[in-house]
Amino acid sequence: VNSDDFKVVVNINGEDYGSKTAESKIDE
């Protein structure tokens, strides 16, 4: 999470995702 805009990036196995999309990938 970045302090400028509090945007969250989730990187899963080298690919960036937004928070909502990342949740199902993390569940997998």
PDB file of all heavy atoms in Angstrom:
ATOM      1  N   VAL A   1       0.857  -1.182   0.000  1.00  0.00           N
ATOM      2  CA  VAL A   1       0.000   0.000   0.000  1.00  0.00           C
ATOM      3  C   VAL A   1       0.891   1.230   0.000  1.00  0.00           C
ATOM      4  O   VAL A   1       1.890   1.288   0.709  1.00  0.00           O
ATOM      5  CB  VAL A   1      -0.985   0.009   1.193  1.00  0.00           C
ATOM      6  CG1 VAL A   1      -0.261  -0.016   2.534  1.00  0.00           C
ATOM      7  CG2 VAL A   1      -1.927   1.201   1.118  1.00  0.00           C
ATOM      8  N   ASN A   2       0.546   2.219  -0.837  1.00  0.00           N
ATOM      9  CA  ASN A   2       1.316   3.444  -1.006  1.00  0.00           C
ATOM     10  C   ASN A   2       0.712   4.549  -0.155  1.00  0.00           C
ATOM     11  O   ASN A   2      -0.514   4.695  -0.092  1.00  0.00           O
ATOM     12  CB  ASN A   2       1.298   3.835  -2.496  1.00  0.00           C
ATOM     13  CG  ASN A   2       2.162   5.014  -2.791  1.00  0.00           C
ATOM     14  OD1 ASN A   2       1.900   6.117  -2.338  1.00  0.00           O
ATOM     15  ND2 ASN A   2       3.197   4.783  -3.576  1.00  0.00           N
ATOM     16  N   SER A   3       1.552   5.360   0.488  1.00  0.00           N
ATOM     17  CA  SER A   3       1.062   6.411   1.378  1.00  0.00           C
ATOM     18  C   SER A   3       0.495   7.619   0.638  1.00  0.00           C
ATOM     19  O   SER A   3      -0.212   8.427   1.230  1.00  0.00           O
ATOM     20  CB  SER A   3       2.168   6.868   2.329  1.00  0.00           C
ATOM     21  OG  SER A   3       3.203   7.492   1.603  1.00  0.00           O
ATOM     22  N   ASP A   4       0.777   7.783  -0.657  1.00  0.00           N
ATOM     23  CA  ASP A   4       0.259   8.935  -1.399  1.00  0.00           C
ATOM     24  C   ASP A   4      -1.243   8.847  -1.618  1.00  0.00           C
ATOM     25  O   ASP A   4      -1.970   9.815  -1.401  1.00  0.00           O
ATOM     26  CB  ASP A   4       0.969   9.074  -2.750  1.00  0.00           C
ATOM     27  CG  ASP A   4       2.428   9.464  -2.602  1.00  0.00           C
ATOM     28  OD1 ASP A   4       2.775  10.091  -1.575  1.00  0.00           O
ATOM     29  OD2 ASP A   4       3.215   9.128  -3.504  1.00  0.00           O
ATOM     30  N   ASP A   5      -1.717   7.677  -2.049  1.00  0.00           N
ATOM     31  CA  ASP A   5      -3.136   7.536  -2.369  1.00  0.00           C
ATOM     32  C   ASP A   5      -3.784   6.314  -1.699  1.00  0.00           C
ATOM     33  O   ASP A   5      -4.948   6.042  -1.911  1.00  0.00           O
ATOM     34  CB  ASP A   5      -3.332   7.445  -3.881  1.00  0.00           C
ATOM     35  CG  ASP A   5      -2.516   6.322  -4.515  1.00  0.00           C
ATOM     36  OD1 ASP A   5      -1.887   5.526  -3.782  1.00  0.00           O
ATOM     37  OD2 ASP A   5      -2.490   6.253  -5.755  1.00  0.00           O
ATOM     38  N   PHE A   6      -3.008   5.585  -0.909  1.00  0.00           N
ATOM     39  CA  PHE A   6      -3.448   4.378  -0.209  1.00  0.00           C
ATOM     40  C   PHE A   6      -3.946   3.306  -1.175  1.00  0.00           C
ATOM     41  O   PHE A   6      -4.753   2.460  -0.822  1.00  0.00           O
ATOM     42  CB  PHE A   6      -4.479   4.694   0.869  1.00  0.00           C
ATOM     43  CG  PHE A   6      -3.950   5.642   1.894  1.00  0.00           C
ATOM     44  CD1 PHE A   6      -4.448   6.932   1.974  1.00  0.00           C
ATOM     45  CD2 PHE A   6      -2.915   5.275   2.737  1.00  0.00           C
ATOM     46  CE1 PHE A   6      -3.929   7.820   2.892  1.00  0.00           C
ATOM     47  CE2 PHE A   6      -2.393   6.147   3.660  1.00  0.00           C
ATOM     48  CZ  PHE A   6      -2.905   7.436   3.729  1.00  0.00           C
ATOM     49  N   LYS A   7      -3.437   3.349  -2.407  1.00  0.00           N
ATOM     50  CA  LYS A   7      -3.761   2.321  -3.385  1.00  0.00           C
ATOM     51  C   LYS A   7      -3.037   1.034  -2.996  1.00  0.00           C
ATOM     52  O   LYS A   7      -1.863   1.048  -2.655  1.00  0.00           O
ATOM     53  CB  LYS A   7      -3.332   2.752  -4.780  1.00  0.00           C
ATOM     54  CG  LYS A   7      -3.659   1.736  -5.850  1.00  0.00           C
ATOM     55  CD  LYS A   7      -3.236   2.184  -7.217  1.00  0.00           C
ATOM     56  CE  LYS A   7      -3.545   1.077  -8.213  1.00  0.00           C
ATOM     57  NZ  LYS A   7      -2.972   1.333  -9.512  1.00  0.00           N
ATOM     58  N   VAL A   8      -3.756  -0.059  -3.067  1.00  0.00           N
ATOM     59  CA  VAL A   8      -3.205  -1.366  -2.721  1.00  0.00           C
ATOM     60  C   VAL A   8      -2.956  -2.159  -4.001  1.00  0.00           C
ATOM     61  O   VAL A   8      -3.809  -2.215  -4.885  1.00  0.00           O
ATOM     62  CB  VAL A   8      -4.167  -2.151  -1.804  1.00  0.00           C
ATOM     63  CG1 VAL A   8      -3.659  -3.560  -1.555  1.00  0.00           C
ATOM     64  CG2 VAL A   8      -4.368  -1.411  -0.495  1.00  0.00           C
ATOM     65  N   VAL A   9      -1.774  -2.760  -4.084  1.00  0.00           N
ATOM     66  CA  VAL A   9      -1.445  -3.656  -5.183  1.00  0.00           C
ATOM     67  C   VAL A   9      -1.088  -5.007  -4.578  1.00  0.00           C
ATOM     68  O   VAL A   9      -0.320  -5.089  -3.620  1.00  0.00           O
ATOM     69  CB  VAL A   9      -0.271  -3.124  -6.026  1.00  0.00           C
ATOM     70  CG1 VAL A   9       0.132  -4.134  -7.090  1.00  0.00           C
ATOM     71  CG2 VAL A   9      -0.624  -1.796  -6.666  1.00  0.00           C
ATOM     72  N   VAL A  10      -1.671  -6.043  -5.138  1.00  0.00           N
ATOM     73  CA  VAL A  10      -1.374  -7.401  -4.700  1.00  0.00           C
ATOM     74  C   VAL A  10      -0.664  -8.103  -5.854  1.00  0.00           C
ATOM     75  O   VAL A  10      -1.198  -8.185  -6.956  1.00  0.00           O
ATOM     76  CB  VAL A  10      -2.649  -8.168  -4.307  1.00  0.00           C
ATOM     77  CG1 VAL A  10      -2.300  -9.555  -3.794  1.00  0.00           C
ATOM     78  CG2 VAL A  10      -3.450  -7.388  -3.271  1.00  0.00           C
ATOM     79  N   ASN A  11       0.536  -8.578  -5.585  1.00  0.00           N
ATOM     80  CA  ASN A  11       1.308  -9.301  -6.583  1.00  0.00           C
ATOM     81  C   ASN A  11       1.273 -10.779  -6.216  1.00  0.00           C
ATOM     82  O   ASN A  11       1.676 -11.164  -5.125  1.00  0.00           O
ATOM     83  CB  ASN A  11       2.752  -8.791  -6.645  1.00  0.00           C
ATOM     84  CG  ASN A  11       3.542  -9.452  -7.734  1.00  0.00           C
ATOM     85  OD1 ASN A  11       3.861 -10.629  -7.638  1.00  0.00           O
ATOM     86  ND2 ASN A  11       3.848  -8.703  -8.772  1.00  0.00           N
ATOM     87  N   ILE A  12       0.777 -11.569  -7.142  1.00  0.00           N
ATOM     88  CA  ILE A  12       0.679 -13.014  -6.927  1.00  0.00           C
ATOM     89  C   ILE A  12       1.472 -13.705  -8.025  1.00  0.00           C
ATOM     90  O   ILE A  12       1.150 -13.563  -9.208  1.00  0.00           O
ATOM     91  CB  ILE A  12      -0.787 -13.494  -6.943  1.00  0.00           C
ATOM     92  CG1 ILE A  12      -1.582 -12.751  -5.878  1.00  0.00           C
ATOM     93  CG2 ILE A  12      -0.863 -15.005  -6.742  1.00  0.00           C
ATOM     94  CD1 ILE A  12      -3.073 -12.975  -5.961  1.00  0.00           C
ATOM     95  N   ASN A  13       2.527 -14.376  -7.610  1.00  0.00           N
ATOM     96  CA  ASN A  13       3.388 -15.097  -8.546  1.00  0.00           C
ATOM     97  C   ASN A  13       3.831 -14.227  -9.718  1.00  0.00           C
ATOM     98  O   ASN A  13       3.833 -14.659 -10.866  1.00  0.00           O
ATOM     99  CB  ASN A  13       2.710 -16.371  -9.045  1.00  0.00           C
ATOM    100  CG  ASN A  13       2.533 -17.390  -7.957  1.00  0.00           C
ATOM    101  OD1 ASN A  13       3.308 -17.446  -7.005  1.00  0.00           O
ATOM    102  ND2 ASN A  13       1.500 -18.198  -8.060  1.00  0.00           N
ATOM    103  N   GLY A  14       4.182 -12.967  -9.429  1.00  0.00           N
ATOM    104  CA  GLY A  14       4.728 -12.081 -10.454  1.00  0.00           C
ATOM    105  C   GLY A  14       3.721 -11.253 -11.227  1.00  0.00           C
ATOM    106  O   GLY A  14       4.106 -10.465 -12.074  1.00  0.00           O
ATOM    107  N   GLU A  15       2.428 -11.405 -10.947  1.00  0.00           N
ATOM    108  CA  GLU A  15       1.400 -10.616 -11.635  1.00  0.00           C
ATOM    109  C   GLU A  15       0.682  -9.724 -10.638  1.00  0.00           C
ATOM    110  O   GLU A  15       0.301 -10.175  -9.557  1.00  0.00           O
ATOM    111  CB  GLU A  15       0.384 -11.527 -12.325  1.00  0.00           C
ATOM    112  CG  GLU A  15       0.939 -12.258 -13.535  1.00  0.00           C
ATOM    113  CD  GLU A  15      -0.161 -12.951 -14.322  1.00  0.00           C
ATOM    114  OE1 GLU A  15      -1.174 -12.295 -14.642  1.00  0.00           O
ATOM    115  OE2 GLU A  15       0.005 -14.145 -14.590  1.00  0.00           O
ATOM    116  N   ASP A  16       0.461  -8.444 -11.025  1.00  0.00           N
ATOM    117  CA  ASP A  16      -0.230  -7.494 -10.158  1.00  0.00           C
ATOM    118  C   ASP A  16      -1.737  -7.578 -10.345  1.00  0.00           C
ATOM    119  O   ASP A  16      -2.235  -7.702 -11.474  1.00  0.00           O
ATOM    120  CB  ASP A  16       0.225  -6.062 -10.461  1.00  0.00           C
ATOM    121  CG  ASP A  16       1.636  -5.784  -9.979  1.00  0.00           C
ATOM    122  OD1 ASP A  16       2.165  -6.575  -9.171  1.00  0.00           O
ATOM    123  OD2 ASP A  16       2.212  -4.764 -10.405  1.00  0.00           O
ATOM    124  N   TYR A  17      -2.450  -7.482  -9.218  1.00  0.00           N
ATOM    125  CA  TYR A  17      -3.908  -7.509  -9.206  1.00  0.00           C
ATOM    126  C   TYR A  17      -4.408  -6.427  -8.274  1.00  0.00           C
ATOM    127  O   TYR A  17      -3.737  -6.068  -7.305  1.00  0.00           O
ATOM    128  CB  TYR A  17      -4.440  -8.860  -8.680  1.00  0.00           C
ATOM    129  CG  TYR A  17      -4.079 -10.045  -9.530  1.00  0.00           C
ATOM    130  CD1 TYR A  17      -2.910 -10.767  -9.292  1.00  0.00           C
ATOM    131  CD2 TYR A  17      -4.910 -10.442 -10.569  1.00  0.00           C
ATOM    132  CE1 TYR A  17      -2.581 -11.863 -10.080  1.00  0.00           C
ATOM    133  CE2 TYR A  17      -4.585 -11.547 -11.352  1.00  0.00           C
ATOM    134  CZ  TYR A  17      -3.414 -12.245 -11.096  1.00  0.00           C
ATOM    135  OH  TYR A  17      -3.091 -13.332 -11.877  1.00  0.00           O
ATOM    136  N   GLY A  18      -5.620  -5.939  -8.532  1.00  0.00           N
ATOM    137  CA  GLY A  18      -6.301  -5.099  -7.567  1.00  0.00           C
ATOM    138  C   GLY A  18      -6.795  -5.982  -6.430  1.00  0.00           C
ATOM    139  O   GLY A  18      -6.851  -7.205  -6.558  1.00  0.00           O
ATOM    140  N   SER A  19      -7.151  -5.369  -5.326  1.00  0.00           N
ATOM    141  CA  SER A  19      -7.544  -6.126  -4.131  1.00  0.00           C
ATOM    142  C   SER A  19      -8.673  -7.115  -4.385  1.00  0.00           C
ATOM    143  O   SER A  19      -8.606  -8.263  -3.961  1.00  0.00           O
ATOM    144  CB  SER A  19      -7.957  -5.174  -3.005  1.00  0.00           C
ATOM    145  OG  SER A  19      -6.848  -4.462  -2.558  1.00  0.00           O
ATOM    146  N   LYS A  20      -9.722  -6.693  -5.054  1.00  0.00           N
ATOM    147  CA  LYS A  20     -10.887  -7.562  -5.227  1.00  0.00           C
ATOM    148  C   LYS A  20     -10.576  -8.788  -6.088  1.00  0.00           C
ATOM    149  O   LYS A  20     -10.959  -9.897  -5.758  1.00  0.00           O
ATOM    150  CB  LYS A  20     -12.055  -6.773  -5.807  1.00  0.00           C
ATOM    151  CG  LYS A  20     -12.572  -5.716  -4.856  1.00  0.00           C
ATOM    152  CD  LYS A  20     -13.878  -5.153  -5.332  1.00  0.00           C
ATOM    153  CE  LYS A  20     -14.299  -3.990  -4.471  1.00  0.00           C
ATOM    154  NZ  LYS A  20     -14.865  -4.339  -3.224  1.00  0.00           N
ATOM    155  N   THR A  21      -9.873  -8.595  -7.184  1.00  0.00           N
ATOM    156  CA  THR A  21      -9.517  -9.714  -8.057  1.00  0.00           C
ATOM    157  C   THR A  21      -8.558 -10.663  -7.354  1.00  0.00           C
ATOM    158  O   THR A  21      -8.615 -11.877  -7.550  1.00  0.00           O
ATOM    159  CB  THR A  21      -8.863  -9.195  -9.351  1.00  0.00           C
ATOM    160  OG1 THR A  21      -9.719  -8.221  -9.939  1.00  0.00           O
ATOM    161  CG2 THR A  21      -8.613 -10.314 -10.333  1.00  0.00           C
ATOM    162  N   ALA A  22      -7.694 -10.100  -6.525  1.00  0.00           N
ATOM    163  CA  ALA A  22      -6.669 -10.912  -5.863  1.00  0.00           C
ATOM    164  C   ALA A  22      -7.250 -11.916  -4.884  1.00  0.00           C
ATOM    165  O   ALA A  22      -6.674 -12.996  -4.702  1.00  0.00           O
ATOM    166  CB  ALA A  22      -5.690 -10.001  -5.133  1.00  0.00           C
ATOM    167  N   GLU A  23      -8.370 -11.601  -4.273  1.00  0.00           N
ATOM    168  CA  GLU A  23      -8.900 -12.465  -3.215  1.00  0.00           C
ATOM    169  C   GLU A  23      -9.163 -13.888  -3.704  1.00  0.00           C
ATOM    170  O   GLU A  23      -8.807 -14.854  -3.033  1.00  0.00           O
ATOM    171  CB  GLU A  23     -10.150 -11.862  -2.583  1.00  0.00           C
ATOM    172  CG  GLU A  23      -9.953 -10.462  -2.008  1.00  0.00           C
ATOM    173  CD  GLU A  23      -8.694 -10.269  -1.181  1.00  0.00           C
ATOM    174  OE1 GLU A  23      -8.351 -11.133  -0.351  1.00  0.00           O
ATOM    175  OE2 GLU A  23      -8.029  -9.229  -1.376  1.00  0.00           O
ATOM    176  N   SER A  24      -9.770 -14.036  -4.869  1.00  0.00           N
ATOM    177  CA  SER A  24     -10.034 -15.399  -5.370  1.00  0.00           C
ATOM    178  C   SER A  24      -8.737 -16.107  -5.758  1.00  0.00           C
ATOM    179  O   SER A  24      -8.608 -17.316  -5.576  1.00  0.00           O
ATOM    180  CB  SER A  24     -11.008 -15.369  -6.547  1.00  0.00           C
ATOM    181  OG  SER A  24     -10.458 -14.666  -7.631  1.00  0.00           O
ATOM    182  N   LYS A  25      -7.768 -15.355  -6.276  1.00  0.00           N
ATOM    183  CA  LYS A  25      -6.467 -15.947  -6.614  1.00  0.00           C
ATOM    184  C   LYS A  25      -5.753 -16.429  -5.346  1.00  0.00           C
ATOM    185  O   LYS A  25      -5.133 -17.496  -5.348  1.00  0.00           O
ATOM    186  CB  LYS A  25      -5.590 -14.931  -7.340  1.00  0.00           C
ATOM    187  CG  LYS A  25      -6.159 -14.425  -8.629  1.00  0.00           C
ATOM    188  CD  LYS A  25      -5.944 -15.424  -9.721  1.00  0.00           C
ATOM    189  CE  LYS A  25      -6.422 -14.863 -11.046  1.00  0.00           C
ATOM    190  NZ  LYS A  25      -6.455 -15.857 -12.084  1.00  0.00           N
ATOM    191  N   ILE A  26      -5.839 -15.644  -4.287  1.00  0.00           N
ATOM    192  CA  ILE A  26      -5.222 -16.039  -3.016  1.00  0.00           C
ATOM    193  C   ILE A  26      -5.923 -17.279  -2.460  1.00  0.00           C
ATOM    194  O   ILE A  26      -5.266 -18.204  -1.976  1.00  0.00           O
ATOM    195  CB  ILE A  26      -5.241 -14.877  -2.005  1.00  0.00           C
ATOM    196  CG1 ILE A  26      -4.307 -13.764  -2.486  1.00  0.00           C
ATOM    197  CG2 ILE A  26      -4.852 -15.363  -0.612  1.00  0.00           C
ATOM    198  CD1 ILE A  26      -4.413 -12.473  -1.712  1.00  0.00           C
ATOM    199  N   ASP A  27      -7.246 -17.312  -2.543  1.00  0.00           N
ATOM    200  CA  ASP A  27      -7.987 -18.496  -2.097  1.00  0.00           C
ATOM    201  C   ASP A  27      -7.505 -19.749  -2.826  1.00  0.00           C
ATOM    202  O   ASP A  27      -7.364 -20.807  -2.227  1.00  0.00           O
ATOM    203  CB  ASP A  27      -9.493 -18.320  -2.319  1.00  0.00           C
ATOM    204  CG  ASP A  27     -10.124 -17.333  -1.352  1.00  0.00           C
ATOM    205  OD1 ASP A  27      -9.450 -16.919  -0.380  1.00  0.00           O
ATOM    206  OD2 ASP A  27     -11.298 -16.969  -1.579  1.00  0.00           O
ATOM    207  N   GLU A  28      -7.241 -19.607  -4.125  1.00  0.00           N
ATOM    208  CA  GLU A  28      -6.732 -20.743  -4.900  1.00  0.00           C
ATOM    209  C   GLU A  28      -5.368 -21.190  -4.388  1.00  0.00           C
ATOM    210  O   GLU A  28      -5.123 -22.386  -4.220  1.00  0.00           O
ATOM    211  CB  GLU A  28      -6.619 -20.367  -6.380  1.00  0.00           C
ATOM    212  CG  GLU A  28      -7.938 -20.252  -7.088  1.00  0.00           C
ATOM    213  CD  GLU A  28      -7.788 -19.731  -8.515  1.00  0.00           C
ATOM    214  OE1 GLU A  28      -6.680 -19.868  -9.094  1.00  0.00           O
ATOM    215  OE2 GLU A  28      -8.770 -19.192  -9.040  1.00  0.00           O
TER     216      GLU A  28
END
